[in-house]
């Protein structure tokens, strides 16, 4: 995924990727993992650093899979389609560009983005039929954000704040 910052009330950038090499014969699956980034900048956990505070918003995604066959047939599968499901279960329960992430590896969902995964407890997402009034969808024409450095943890402390 190519992360980008935008003011969603004015501009929503999109990117395209050729996923042909990821397809397998038979049934395939596609998954999207969303994080808050700057979009939903609530007061961070454990008094972490923050620059801005905003009111909470539901996370939203607009996606479309376009399948173009050699015989000229084209099919579109968009996020408004009934094939999409959502859950708030999983290891990432807080994320902020400035305050970092709260990630509980005990809550990982191995295979969540594969065909055979049990999604029976997942629900249909809210259908976003359009962008916010006055905003526009624009192809991103600049490089994505990228990781420029990483650090290894020196120590992990349990302050009794983690669930379960």
N, C-alpha and C. Protein backbone atom coordinates (compact mmCIF):
# COMPACT_ATOMS: atom_id res chain seq x y z
N UNK A 1 0.84 -1.16 0.00
CA UNK A 1 0.00 0.00 0.00
C UNK A 1 0.89 1.23 0.00
N UNK A 2 0.48 2.21 -0.71
CA UNK A 2 1.25 3.43 -0.84
C UNK A 2 0.61 4.53 -0.01
N UNK A 3 1.13 4.73 1.19
CA UNK A 3 0.54 5.69 2.11
C UNK A 3 0.79 7.12 1.67
N UNK A 4 -0.19 7.96 1.91
CA UNK A 4 -0.12 9.37 1.56
C UNK A 4 -0.97 10.16 2.54
N UNK A 5 -0.54 11.35 2.87
CA UNK A 5 -1.36 12.21 3.72
C UNK A 5 -2.18 13.12 2.81
N UNK A 6 -3.45 13.27 3.16
CA UNK A 6 -4.29 14.21 2.43
C UNK A 6 -5.35 14.77 3.37
N UNK A 7 -5.91 15.88 3.00
CA UNK A 7 -7.02 16.45 3.74
C UNK A 7 -8.29 15.90 3.11
N UNK A 8 -8.85 14.88 3.73
CA UNK A 8 -9.95 14.12 3.12
C UNK A 8 -11.18 14.95 2.82
N UNK A 9 -11.33 16.08 3.45
CA UNK A 9 -12.48 16.93 3.15
C UNK A 9 -12.29 17.68 1.84
N UNK A 10 -11.04 17.70 1.32
CA UNK A 10 -10.77 18.37 0.05
C UNK A 10 -10.27 17.42 -1.03
N UNK A 11 -9.29 16.59 -0.69
CA UNK A 11 -8.66 15.73 -1.68
C UNK A 11 -8.44 14.34 -1.12
N UNK A 12 -8.79 13.32 -1.87
CA UNK A 12 -8.51 11.94 -1.52
C UNK A 12 -7.66 11.37 -2.64
N UNK A 13 -6.41 11.05 -2.33
CA UNK A 13 -5.51 10.50 -3.33
C UNK A 13 -5.72 9.00 -3.46
N UNK A 14 -5.58 8.49 -4.66
CA UNK A 14 -5.66 7.05 -4.86
C UNK A 14 -4.43 6.61 -5.64
N UNK A 15 -4.14 5.34 -5.53
CA UNK A 15 -3.03 4.77 -6.29
C UNK A 15 -3.54 3.49 -6.94
N UNK A 16 -2.85 3.07 -7.97
CA UNK A 16 -3.20 1.84 -8.66
C UNK A 16 -2.03 0.88 -8.59
N UNK A 17 -2.33 -0.39 -8.53
CA UNK A 17 -1.31 -1.43 -8.49
C UNK A 17 -1.73 -2.56 -9.40
N UNK A 18 -0.79 -3.14 -10.11
CA UNK A 18 -1.05 -4.32 -10.92
C UNK A 18 -0.86 -5.53 -10.03
N UNK A 19 -1.95 -6.25 -9.75
CA UNK A 19 -1.89 -7.41 -8.85
C UNK A 19 -1.88 -8.73 -9.61
N UNK A 20 -1.67 -8.67 -10.90
CA UNK A 20 -1.70 -9.87 -11.73
C UNK A 20 -0.79 -10.96 -11.18
N UNK A 21 0.42 -10.61 -10.77
CA UNK A 21 1.38 -11.61 -10.29
C UNK A 21 0.95 -12.25 -8.97
N UNK A 22 0.00 -11.66 -8.26
CA UNK A 22 -0.47 -12.19 -6.98
C UNK A 22 -1.64 -13.17 -7.15
N UNK A 23 -2.25 -13.19 -8.33
CA UNK A 23 -3.41 -14.06 -8.56
C UNK A 23 -2.99 -15.52 -8.71
N UNK A 24 -3.87 -16.39 -8.24
CA UNK A 24 -3.67 -17.83 -8.35
C UNK A 24 -4.83 -18.42 -9.12
N UNK A 25 -4.65 -19.60 -9.67
CA UNK A 25 -5.75 -20.28 -10.35
C UNK A 25 -6.85 -20.56 -9.32
N UNK A 26 -8.10 -20.38 -9.69
CA UNK A 26 -9.21 -20.62 -8.78
C UNK A 26 -9.63 -19.35 -8.06
N UNK A 27 -10.14 -19.52 -6.85
CA UNK A 27 -10.66 -18.41 -6.06
C UNK A 27 -9.52 -17.61 -5.43
N UNK A 28 -9.66 -16.31 -5.42
CA UNK A 28 -8.67 -15.41 -4.81
C UNK A 28 -9.34 -14.54 -3.77
N UNK A 29 -8.55 -13.87 -2.97
CA UNK A 29 -9.05 -12.99 -1.93
C UNK A 29 -8.21 -11.72 -1.92
N UNK A 30 -8.83 -10.63 -1.52
CA UNK A 30 -8.11 -9.35 -1.39
C UNK A 30 -8.44 -8.77 -0.02
N UNK A 31 -7.45 -8.17 0.62
CA UNK A 31 -7.67 -7.61 1.95
C UNK A 31 -7.08 -6.22 2.08
N UNK A 32 -7.67 -5.43 2.95
CA UNK A 32 -7.20 -4.08 3.23
C UNK A 32 -7.12 -3.93 4.75
N UNK A 33 -5.99 -3.48 5.27
CA UNK A 33 -5.86 -3.17 6.69
C UNK A 33 -5.76 -1.65 6.81
N UNK A 34 -6.61 -1.07 7.64
CA UNK A 34 -6.63 0.38 7.80
C UNK A 34 -6.09 0.79 9.16
N UNK A 35 -5.40 1.92 9.20
CA UNK A 35 -4.94 2.51 10.45
C UNK A 35 -5.34 3.97 10.46
N UNK A 36 -5.37 4.57 11.63
CA UNK A 36 -5.87 5.93 11.76
C UNK A 36 -4.93 6.98 11.17
N UNK A 37 -3.63 6.78 11.28
CA UNK A 37 -2.70 7.78 10.77
C UNK A 37 -2.95 9.14 11.40
N UNK A 38 -3.18 10.15 10.61
CA UNK A 38 -3.50 11.48 11.11
C UNK A 38 -5.00 11.72 11.04
N UNK A 39 -5.70 10.92 10.23
CA UNK A 39 -7.11 11.12 9.95
C UNK A 39 -7.96 11.16 11.21
N UNK A 40 -7.66 10.31 12.19
CA UNK A 40 -8.47 10.21 13.40
C UNK A 40 -7.57 10.45 14.61
N UNK A 41 -7.05 11.63 14.73
CA UNK A 41 -6.05 11.95 15.75
C UNK A 41 -6.69 12.25 17.09
N UNK A 42 -7.09 11.19 17.79
CA UNK A 42 -7.62 11.35 19.14
C UNK A 42 -6.44 11.58 20.08
N UNK A 43 -6.75 11.90 21.34
CA UNK A 43 -5.67 12.01 22.33
C UNK A 43 -5.04 10.62 22.44
N UNK A 44 -3.72 10.52 22.26
CA UNK A 44 -3.05 9.22 22.21
C UNK A 44 -3.03 8.50 23.55
N UNK A 45 -2.79 7.21 23.50
CA UNK A 45 -2.71 6.38 24.69
C UNK A 45 -1.46 6.71 25.49
N UNK A 46 -1.53 6.52 26.78
CA UNK A 46 -0.38 6.61 27.68
C UNK A 46 0.39 7.92 27.53
N UNK A 47 -0.32 9.01 27.28
CA UNK A 47 0.28 10.35 27.19
C UNK A 47 1.40 10.45 26.16
N UNK A 48 1.27 9.73 25.07
CA UNK A 48 2.27 9.79 24.01
C UNK A 48 2.23 11.13 23.29
N UNK A 49 3.29 11.40 22.57
CA UNK A 49 3.41 12.64 21.83
C UNK A 49 2.29 12.76 20.79
N UNK A 50 1.74 13.95 20.64
CA UNK A 50 0.76 14.22 19.61
C UNK A 50 0.88 15.66 19.18
N UNK A 51 0.48 15.94 17.95
CA UNK A 51 0.52 17.30 17.43
C UNK A 51 -0.86 17.91 17.31
N UNK A 52 -1.83 17.09 16.93
CA UNK A 52 -3.18 17.59 16.72
C UNK A 52 -4.18 16.64 17.36
N UNK A 53 -5.33 17.17 17.67
CA UNK A 53 -6.44 16.38 18.18
C UNK A 53 -7.63 16.68 17.27
N UNK A 54 -8.34 15.66 16.85
CA UNK A 54 -9.54 15.86 16.05
C UNK A 54 -10.63 14.97 16.59
N UNK A 55 -11.85 15.24 16.20
CA UNK A 55 -12.92 14.36 16.64
C UNK A 55 -12.80 13.02 15.91
N UNK A 56 -13.34 11.99 16.52
CA UNK A 56 -13.19 10.65 15.95
C UNK A 56 -14.05 10.49 14.70
N UNK A 57 -13.55 9.69 13.79
CA UNK A 57 -14.24 9.37 12.54
C UNK A 57 -14.14 7.87 12.30
N UNK A 58 -15.13 7.28 11.66
CA UNK A 58 -14.97 5.86 11.29
C UNK A 58 -13.93 5.75 10.17
N UNK A 59 -13.15 4.68 10.19
CA UNK A 59 -12.19 4.46 9.11
C UNK A 59 -12.94 4.08 7.85
N UNK A 60 -12.49 4.59 6.73
CA UNK A 60 -13.17 4.36 5.46
C UNK A 60 -12.16 4.00 4.38
N UNK A 61 -12.61 3.22 3.43
CA UNK A 61 -11.77 2.87 2.28
C UNK A 61 -12.63 2.80 1.03
N UNK A 62 -12.06 3.22 -0.06
CA UNK A 62 -12.68 3.05 -1.37
C UNK A 62 -11.69 2.22 -2.17
N UNK A 63 -12.13 1.08 -2.65
CA UNK A 63 -11.24 0.21 -3.42
C UNK A 63 -12.01 -0.41 -4.58
N UNK A 64 -11.29 -0.73 -5.60
CA UNK A 64 -11.90 -1.37 -6.76
C UNK A 64 -10.87 -2.32 -7.37
N UNK A 65 -11.30 -3.53 -7.60
CA UNK A 65 -10.48 -4.50 -8.31
C UNK A 65 -11.03 -4.59 -9.73
N UNK A 66 -10.17 -4.31 -10.69
CA UNK A 66 -10.57 -4.38 -12.09
C UNK A 66 -9.92 -5.61 -12.71
N UNK A 67 -10.73 -6.48 -13.24
CA UNK A 67 -10.24 -7.71 -13.87
C UNK A 67 -10.44 -7.58 -15.37
N UNK A 68 -9.34 -7.54 -16.10
CA UNK A 68 -9.38 -7.43 -17.57
C UNK A 68 -8.87 -8.74 -18.16
N UNK A 69 -9.74 -9.44 -18.86
CA UNK A 69 -9.39 -10.73 -19.45
C UNK A 69 -8.87 -10.57 -20.88
N UNK A 70 -8.14 -11.56 -21.34
CA UNK A 70 -7.57 -11.52 -22.69
C UNK A 70 -8.63 -11.45 -23.78
N UNK A 71 -9.83 -11.97 -23.49
CA UNK A 71 -10.90 -11.96 -24.49
C UNK A 71 -11.65 -10.62 -24.54
N UNK A 72 -11.18 -9.63 -23.74
CA UNK A 72 -11.80 -8.31 -23.75
C UNK A 72 -12.83 -8.11 -22.65
N UNK A 73 -13.23 -9.16 -21.94
CA UNK A 73 -14.19 -9.05 -20.85
C UNK A 73 -13.53 -8.33 -19.67
N UNK A 74 -14.25 -7.37 -19.07
CA UNK A 74 -13.76 -6.64 -17.90
C UNK A 74 -14.80 -6.70 -16.80
N UNK A 75 -14.35 -6.99 -15.58
CA UNK A 75 -15.23 -7.06 -14.42
C UNK A 75 -14.68 -6.15 -13.34
N UNK A 76 -15.57 -5.46 -12.61
CA UNK A 76 -15.17 -4.58 -11.52
C UNK A 76 -15.75 -5.11 -10.22
N UNK A 77 -14.93 -5.17 -9.18
CA UNK A 77 -15.39 -5.52 -7.84
C UNK A 77 -15.01 -4.34 -6.96
N UNK A 78 -16.00 -3.60 -6.50
CA UNK A 78 -15.75 -2.38 -5.73
C UNK A 78 -16.15 -2.57 -4.28
N UNK A 79 -15.70 -1.67 -3.40
CA UNK A 79 -15.97 -1.80 -1.97
C UNK A 79 -17.45 -1.70 -1.63
N UNK A 80 -18.29 -1.18 -2.50
CA UNK A 80 -19.73 -1.15 -2.25
C UNK A 80 -20.39 -2.50 -2.52
N UNK A 81 -19.63 -3.43 -3.06
CA UNK A 81 -20.11 -4.77 -3.41
C UNK A 81 -20.35 -5.58 -2.13
N UNK A 82 -21.33 -6.49 -2.15
CA UNK A 82 -21.62 -7.33 -0.98
C UNK A 82 -20.51 -8.32 -0.65
N UNK A 83 -19.50 -8.45 -1.50
CA UNK A 83 -18.42 -9.41 -1.26
C UNK A 83 -17.47 -8.94 -0.16
N UNK A 84 -17.49 -7.68 0.22
CA UNK A 84 -16.56 -7.15 1.20
C UNK A 84 -17.10 -7.34 2.62
N UNK A 85 -16.21 -7.65 3.56
CA UNK A 85 -16.55 -7.80 4.97
C UNK A 85 -15.56 -7.00 5.81
N UNK A 86 -15.94 -6.71 7.06
CA UNK A 86 -15.06 -5.92 7.93
C UNK A 86 -15.09 -6.44 9.36
N UNK A 87 -14.03 -6.15 10.08
CA UNK A 87 -13.95 -6.47 11.50
C UNK A 87 -13.05 -5.47 12.20
N UNK A 88 -13.29 -5.27 13.49
CA UNK A 88 -12.38 -4.44 14.28
C UNK A 88 -11.53 -5.32 15.19
N UNK A 89 -11.69 -6.63 15.07
CA UNK A 89 -10.83 -7.56 15.80
C UNK A 89 -9.48 -7.60 15.12
N UNK A 90 -8.47 -7.87 15.87
CA UNK A 90 -7.14 -7.95 15.28
C UNK A 90 -6.11 -7.29 16.18
N UNK A 91 -4.86 -7.36 15.79
CA UNK A 91 -3.77 -6.92 16.66
C UNK A 91 -3.57 -5.41 16.75
N UNK A 92 -3.99 -4.66 15.76
CA UNK A 92 -3.74 -3.22 15.76
C UNK A 92 -4.93 -2.51 16.39
N UNK A 93 -4.76 -1.99 17.60
CA UNK A 93 -5.90 -1.35 18.24
C UNK A 93 -5.70 0.13 18.48
N UNK A 94 -4.57 0.66 18.10
CA UNK A 94 -4.35 2.11 18.12
C UNK A 94 -3.19 2.40 17.18
N UNK A 95 -3.31 3.46 16.39
CA UNK A 95 -2.23 3.83 15.48
C UNK A 95 -2.27 5.33 15.25
N UNK A 96 -1.11 5.93 15.28
CA UNK A 96 -1.01 7.36 15.07
C UNK A 96 0.33 7.66 14.44
N UNK A 97 0.34 8.57 13.48
CA UNK A 97 1.61 8.95 12.86
C UNK A 97 2.58 9.49 13.89
N UNK A 98 2.08 10.22 14.87
CA UNK A 98 2.96 10.86 15.83
C UNK A 98 3.17 10.02 17.09
N UNK A 99 2.18 9.27 17.50
CA UNK A 99 2.28 8.52 18.76
C UNK A 99 2.62 7.05 18.61
N UNK A 100 2.75 6.57 17.39
CA UNK A 100 3.10 5.16 17.18
C UNK A 100 1.89 4.25 17.19
N UNK A 101 2.14 2.96 17.35
CA UNK A 101 1.09 1.95 17.29
C UNK A 101 0.99 1.18 18.61
N UNK A 102 -0.21 0.71 18.88
CA UNK A 102 -0.44 -0.27 19.94
C UNK A 102 -0.78 -1.56 19.19
N UNK A 103 0.09 -2.54 19.27
CA UNK A 103 -0.05 -3.78 18.51
C UNK A 103 0.05 -4.94 19.47
N UNK A 104 -1.00 -5.75 19.53
CA UNK A 104 -1.05 -6.91 20.41
C UNK A 104 -0.97 -8.16 19.54
N UNK A 105 0.22 -8.74 19.43
CA UNK A 105 0.45 -9.90 18.56
C UNK A 105 -0.40 -11.10 18.96
N UNK A 106 -0.89 -11.14 20.20
CA UNK A 106 -1.77 -12.25 20.61
C UNK A 106 -3.10 -12.22 19.88
N UNK A 107 -3.45 -11.07 19.31
CA UNK A 107 -4.72 -10.91 18.61
C UNK A 107 -4.59 -11.06 17.10
N UNK A 108 -3.42 -11.49 16.62
CA UNK A 108 -3.23 -11.64 15.18
C UNK A 108 -4.24 -12.63 14.60
N UNK A 109 -4.61 -12.40 13.35
CA UNK A 109 -5.56 -13.24 12.64
C UNK A 109 -4.84 -13.86 11.44
N UNK A 110 -4.05 -14.92 11.66
CA UNK A 110 -3.29 -15.51 10.56
C UNK A 110 -4.21 -15.92 9.40
N UNK A 111 -3.87 -15.46 8.21
CA UNK A 111 -4.65 -15.82 7.03
C UNK A 111 -5.89 -14.98 6.80
N UNK A 112 -6.03 -13.85 7.52
CA UNK A 112 -7.24 -13.04 7.40
C UNK A 112 -7.51 -12.59 5.97
N UNK A 113 -6.47 -12.50 5.16
CA UNK A 113 -6.61 -12.02 3.79
C UNK A 113 -6.57 -13.16 2.77
N UNK A 114 -6.83 -14.38 3.22
CA UNK A 114 -6.83 -15.54 2.32
C UNK A 114 -8.23 -16.09 2.14
N UNK A 115 -8.39 -16.91 1.12
CA UNK A 115 -9.71 -17.44 0.75
C UNK A 115 -10.35 -18.29 1.85
N UNK A 116 -9.62 -19.17 2.50
CA UNK A 116 -10.22 -20.11 3.44
C UNK A 116 -10.46 -19.59 4.84
N UNK A 117 -10.15 -18.34 5.12
CA UNK A 117 -10.29 -17.80 6.47
C UNK A 117 -11.76 -17.71 6.88
N UNK A 118 -12.06 -18.05 8.13
CA UNK A 118 -13.44 -18.00 8.64
C UNK A 118 -13.80 -16.56 9.02
N UNK A 119 -14.64 -15.94 8.20
CA UNK A 119 -15.10 -14.57 8.44
C UNK A 119 -16.56 -14.54 8.89
N UNK A 120 -17.04 -15.63 9.45
CA UNK A 120 -18.46 -15.72 9.80
C UNK A 120 -18.87 -14.67 10.84
N UNK A 121 -17.95 -14.20 11.67
CA UNK A 121 -18.27 -13.19 12.67
C UNK A 121 -18.07 -11.76 12.15
N UNK A 122 -17.59 -11.62 10.93
CA UNK A 122 -17.36 -10.31 10.34
C UNK A 122 -18.68 -9.74 9.82
N UNK A 123 -18.73 -8.44 9.64
CA UNK A 123 -19.97 -7.79 9.19
C UNK A 123 -19.74 -7.06 7.87
N UNK A 124 -20.82 -6.65 7.24
CA UNK A 124 -20.73 -5.87 6.01
C UNK A 124 -20.33 -4.44 6.37
N UNK A 125 -19.43 -3.84 5.62
CA UNK A 125 -19.05 -2.45 5.92
C UNK A 125 -20.16 -1.49 5.50
N UNK A 126 -20.11 -0.30 6.08
CA UNK A 126 -21.01 0.76 5.66
C UNK A 126 -20.64 1.12 4.22
N UNK A 127 -21.62 1.24 3.37
CA UNK A 127 -21.37 1.57 1.97
C UNK A 127 -21.13 3.07 1.84
N UNK A 128 -19.96 3.42 1.34
CA UNK A 128 -19.64 4.82 1.08
C UNK A 128 -19.90 5.05 -0.40
N UNK A 129 -21.03 5.65 -0.69
CA UNK A 129 -21.41 5.80 -2.09
C UNK A 129 -20.71 6.98 -2.76
N UNK A 130 -20.20 7.90 -1.97
CA UNK A 130 -19.53 9.04 -2.58
C UNK A 130 -18.56 9.67 -1.58
N UNK A 131 -17.75 10.57 -2.07
CA UNK A 131 -16.83 11.31 -1.23
C UNK A 131 -17.57 12.39 -0.47
N UNK A 132 -16.88 13.02 0.46
CA UNK A 132 -17.46 14.16 1.17
C UNK A 132 -17.79 15.26 0.17
N UNK A 133 -18.87 16.00 0.36
CA UNK A 133 -19.18 17.10 -0.55
C UNK A 133 -18.00 18.07 -0.66
N UNK A 134 -17.64 18.43 -1.86
CA UNK A 134 -16.54 19.35 -2.09
C UNK A 134 -15.17 18.71 -2.21
N UNK A 135 -15.07 17.39 -1.95
CA UNK A 135 -13.77 16.74 -2.07
C UNK A 135 -13.68 16.04 -3.43
N UNK A 136 -12.46 15.74 -3.84
CA UNK A 136 -12.26 15.09 -5.13
C UNK A 136 -11.26 13.94 -5.02
N UNK A 137 -11.45 12.94 -5.83
CA UNK A 137 -10.58 11.78 -5.91
C UNK A 137 -9.54 12.05 -7.00
N UNK A 138 -8.24 12.02 -6.61
CA UNK A 138 -7.17 12.39 -7.54
C UNK A 138 -6.07 11.33 -7.51
N UNK A 139 -5.57 10.97 -8.69
CA UNK A 139 -4.45 10.04 -8.78
C UNK A 139 -3.21 10.68 -8.16
N UNK A 140 -2.57 9.93 -7.27
CA UNK A 140 -1.38 10.45 -6.60
C UNK A 140 -0.22 10.50 -7.60
N UNK A 141 0.47 11.62 -7.68
CA UNK A 141 1.55 11.80 -8.65
C UNK A 141 2.87 12.14 -7.97
N UNK A 142 3.06 11.59 -6.80
CA UNK A 142 4.30 11.81 -6.08
C UNK A 142 4.65 10.52 -5.34
N UNK A 143 5.88 10.36 -4.90
CA UNK A 143 6.28 9.10 -4.25
C UNK A 143 5.50 8.85 -2.97
N UNK A 144 5.29 7.57 -2.64
CA UNK A 144 4.59 7.25 -1.39
C UNK A 144 5.49 7.51 -0.18
N UNK A 145 4.88 7.57 0.99
CA UNK A 145 5.65 7.62 2.22
C UNK A 145 6.43 6.31 2.32
N UNK A 146 7.59 6.36 2.91
CA UNK A 146 8.36 5.13 3.04
C UNK A 146 9.09 5.08 4.37
N UNK A 147 9.44 3.88 4.78
CA UNK A 147 10.21 3.69 6.00
C UNK A 147 11.64 4.10 5.70
N UNK A 148 12.19 4.99 6.51
CA UNK A 148 13.57 5.43 6.28
C UNK A 148 14.52 4.93 7.36
N UNK A 149 13.99 4.47 8.49
CA UNK A 149 14.84 3.95 9.54
C UNK A 149 14.00 3.07 10.46
N UNK A 150 14.62 2.12 11.12
CA UNK A 150 13.94 1.25 12.06
C UNK A 150 14.83 1.06 13.28
N UNK A 151 14.21 0.87 14.44
CA UNK A 151 14.94 0.62 15.67
C UNK A 151 14.42 -0.65 16.30
N UNK A 152 15.29 -1.38 16.95
CA UNK A 152 14.90 -2.58 17.69
C UNK A 152 14.54 -2.18 19.12
N UNK A 153 13.56 -2.87 19.67
CA UNK A 153 13.15 -2.60 21.04
C UNK A 153 14.27 -3.01 22.00
N UNK A 154 14.50 -2.19 23.01
CA UNK A 154 15.49 -2.50 24.02
C UNK A 154 14.84 -3.25 25.16
N UNK A 155 13.61 -2.85 25.46
CA UNK A 155 12.89 -3.44 26.59
C UNK A 155 11.40 -3.25 26.36
N UNK A 156 10.59 -4.23 26.77
CA UNK A 156 9.14 -4.13 26.68
C UNK A 156 8.61 -4.25 28.11
N UNK A 157 7.88 -3.24 28.55
CA UNK A 157 7.33 -3.22 29.89
C UNK A 157 5.83 -3.43 29.85
N UNK A 158 5.32 -4.26 30.76
CA UNK A 158 3.88 -4.43 30.90
C UNK A 158 3.47 -3.60 32.11
N UNK A 159 2.80 -2.47 31.83
CA UNK A 159 2.36 -1.59 32.91
C UNK A 159 0.96 -1.93 33.37
N UNK A 160 0.50 -3.14 33.01
CA UNK A 160 -0.83 -3.55 33.39
C UNK A 160 -1.94 -2.90 32.58
N UNK A 161 -1.58 -2.31 31.43
CA UNK A 161 -2.56 -1.59 30.63
C UNK A 161 -3.06 -2.42 29.45
N UNK A 162 -2.39 -3.52 29.14
CA UNK A 162 -2.79 -4.32 27.99
C UNK A 162 -4.00 -5.18 28.35
N UNK A 163 -4.94 -5.32 27.42
CA UNK A 163 -6.10 -6.16 27.69
C UNK A 163 -5.73 -7.63 27.70
N UNK A 164 -6.49 -8.42 28.46
CA UNK A 164 -6.44 -9.87 28.46
C UNK A 164 -5.15 -10.50 28.61
